[in-house]
């Protein structure tokens, strides 16, 4: 389901949307707005994941237990 909304944009904001269309990164203004919303959703998800990782580290638990010991593997000297 989609819902149509009306928003007011100033000239600068409208120019940014139009530039996305002219430069081929969006098919139209609506798609440019949807791409911006997708970026916001991705940022929200990253912040939530970051908060979860910080909480795990705060409790002293390994953040990436599968990678523990990776740096302990033998490796050749760089000399």
C-alpha atoms as a PDB file:
ATOM      1  CA  UNK A   1       0.000   0.000   0.000  1.00  0.00           C
ATOM      2  CA  UNK A   2       1.210   3.512  -0.709  1.00  0.00           C
ATOM      3  CA  UNK A   3       0.025   6.805   0.680  1.00  0.00           C
ATOM      4  CA  UNK A   4       0.342  10.095  -1.126  1.00  0.00           C
ATOM      5  CA  UNK A   5       1.525  13.025   0.983  1.00  0.00           C
ATOM      6  CA  UNK A   6       2.057  16.699   0.274  1.00  0.00           C
ATOM      7  CA  UNK A   7       5.199  18.450   1.490  1.00  0.00           C
ATOM      8  CA  UNK A   8       6.616  21.938   1.130  1.00  0.00           C
ATOM      9  CA  UNK A   9      10.230  22.286  -0.022  1.00  0.00           C
ATOM     10  CA  UNK A  10      12.285  25.404  -0.379  1.00  0.00           C
ATOM     11  CA  UNK A  11      14.075  26.179  -3.645  1.00  0.00           C
ATOM     12  CA  UNK A  12      17.361  24.635  -2.489  1.00  0.00           C
ATOM     13  CA  UNK A  13      15.737  21.353  -1.438  1.00  0.00           C
ATOM     14  CA  UNK A  14      13.841  21.155  -4.718  1.00  0.00           C
ATOM     15  CA  UNK A  15      17.057  21.824  -6.651  1.00  0.00           C
ATOM     16  CA  UNK A  16      18.711  18.912  -4.822  1.00  0.00           C
ATOM     17  CA  UNK A  17      15.883  16.579  -5.847  1.00  0.00           C
ATOM     18  CA  UNK A  18      15.981  17.818  -9.428  1.00  0.00           C
ATOM     19  CA  UNK A  19      19.757  17.331  -9.579  1.00  0.00           C
ATOM     20  CA  UNK A  20      19.316  13.685  -8.585  1.00  0.00           C
ATOM     21  CA  UNK A  21      16.896  13.261 -11.489  1.00  0.00           C
ATOM     22  CA  UNK A  22      18.980  15.200 -14.028  1.00  0.00           C
ATOM     23  CA  UNK A  23      22.123  13.265 -13.077  1.00  0.00           C
ATOM     24  CA  UNK A  24      20.260   9.967 -13.477  1.00  0.00           C
ATOM     25  CA  UNK A  25      20.410   8.807  -9.859  1.00  0.00           C
ATOM     26  CA  UNK A  26      16.610   8.897  -9.590  1.00  0.00           C
ATOM     27  CA  UNK A  27      13.910   8.504 -12.216  1.00  0.00           C
ATOM     28  CA  UNK A  28      11.815  11.315 -10.745  1.00  0.00           C
ATOM     29  CA  UNK A  29      11.377  13.466  -7.652  1.00  0.00           C
ATOM     30  CA  UNK A  30       9.301  10.837  -5.865  1.00  0.00           C
ATOM     31  CA  UNK A  31      12.018   8.249  -6.306  1.00  0.00           C
ATOM     32  CA  UNK A  32      14.625  10.711  -5.026  1.00  0.00           C
ATOM     33  CA  UNK A  33      12.522  11.265  -1.895  1.00  0.00           C
ATOM     34  CA  UNK A  34      12.110   7.494  -1.430  1.00  0.00           C
ATOM     35  CA  UNK A  35      15.881   7.065  -1.747  1.00  0.00           C
ATOM     36  CA  UNK A  36      16.372   9.681   0.960  1.00  0.00           C
ATOM     37  CA  UNK A  37      13.931   7.858   3.221  1.00  0.00           C
ATOM     38  CA  UNK A  38      15.742   4.568   2.530  1.00  0.00           C
ATOM     39  CA  UNK A  39      18.982   6.251   3.620  1.00  0.00           C
ATOM     40  CA  UNK A  40      17.290   7.395   6.857  1.00  0.00           C
ATOM     41  CA  UNK A  41      16.034   3.859   7.520  1.00  0.00           C
ATOM     42  CA  UNK A  42      19.531   2.465   6.934  1.00  0.00           C
ATOM     43  CA  UNK A  43      21.002   5.053   9.328  1.00  0.00           C
ATOM     44  CA  UNK A  44      18.435   4.112  11.984  1.00  0.00           C
ATOM     45  CA  UNK A  45      19.311   0.435  11.594  1.00  0.00           C
ATOM     46  CA  UNK A  46      23.040   1.168  11.880  1.00  0.00           C
ATOM     47  CA  UNK A  47      22.485   3.239  15.039  1.00  0.00           C
ATOM     48  CA  UNK A  48      20.475   0.404  16.595  1.00  0.00           C
ATOM     49  CA  UNK A  49      23.173  -2.138  15.699  1.00  0.00           C
ATOM     50  CA  UNK A  50      25.866   0.169  17.067  1.00  0.00           C
ATOM     51  CA  UNK A  51      23.966   0.571  20.342  1.00  0.00           C
ATOM     52  CA  UNK A  52      23.645  -3.218  20.642  1.00  0.00           C
ATOM     53  CA  UNK A  53      27.388  -3.673  20.035  1.00  0.00           C
ATOM     54  CA  UNK A  54      28.247  -0.978  22.580  1.00  0.00           C
ATOM     55  CA  UNK A  55      26.036  -2.693  25.157  1.00  0.00           C
ATOM     56  CA  UNK A  56      27.693  -6.070  24.484  1.00  0.00           C
ATOM     57  CA  UNK A  57      31.137  -4.495  24.892  1.00  0.00           C
ATOM     58  CA  UNK A  58      30.011  -2.648  28.046  1.00  0.00           C
ATOM     59  CA  UNK A  59      29.079  -5.996  29.596  1.00  0.00           C
ATOM     60  CA  UNK A  60      32.561  -7.264  28.766  1.00  0.00           C
ATOM     61  CA  UNK A  61      31.348  -9.841  26.267  1.00  0.00           C
ATOM     62  CA  UNK A  62      33.240 -10.393  23.022  1.00  0.00           C
ATOM     63  CA  UNK A  63      31.627  -8.323  20.294  1.00  0.00           C
ATOM     64  CA  UNK A  64      32.726 -10.645  17.477  1.00  0.00           C
ATOM     65  CA  UNK A  65      33.477 -14.010  19.122  1.00  0.00           C
ATOM     66  CA  UNK A  66      34.019 -15.699  15.747  1.00  0.00           C
ATOM     67  CA  UNK A  67      36.995 -13.410  15.161  1.00  0.00           C
ATOM     68  CA  UNK A  68      38.656 -13.986  18.537  1.00  0.00           C
ATOM     69  CA  UNK A  69      42.113 -15.349  18.008  1.00  0.00           C
ATOM     70  CA  UNK A  70      42.302 -14.225  14.389  1.00  0.00           C
ATOM     71  CA  UNK A  71      45.203 -11.910  15.140  1.00  0.00           C
ATOM     72  CA  UNK A  72      46.978 -14.714  17.007  1.00  0.00           C
ATOM     73  CA  UNK A  73      47.442 -16.770  13.835  1.00  0.00           C
ATOM     74  CA  UNK A  74      51.022 -17.190  12.642  1.00  0.00           C
ATOM     75  CA  UNK A  75      52.018 -14.699   9.995  1.00  0.00           C
ATOM     76  CA  UNK A  76      55.279 -13.972   8.182  1.00  0.00           C
ATOM     77  CA  UNK A  77      57.519 -11.144   9.262  1.00  0.00           C
ATOM     78  CA  UNK A  78      57.219  -7.952   7.250  1.00  0.00           C
ATOM     79  CA  UNK A  79      60.992  -7.416   7.272  1.00  0.00           C
END
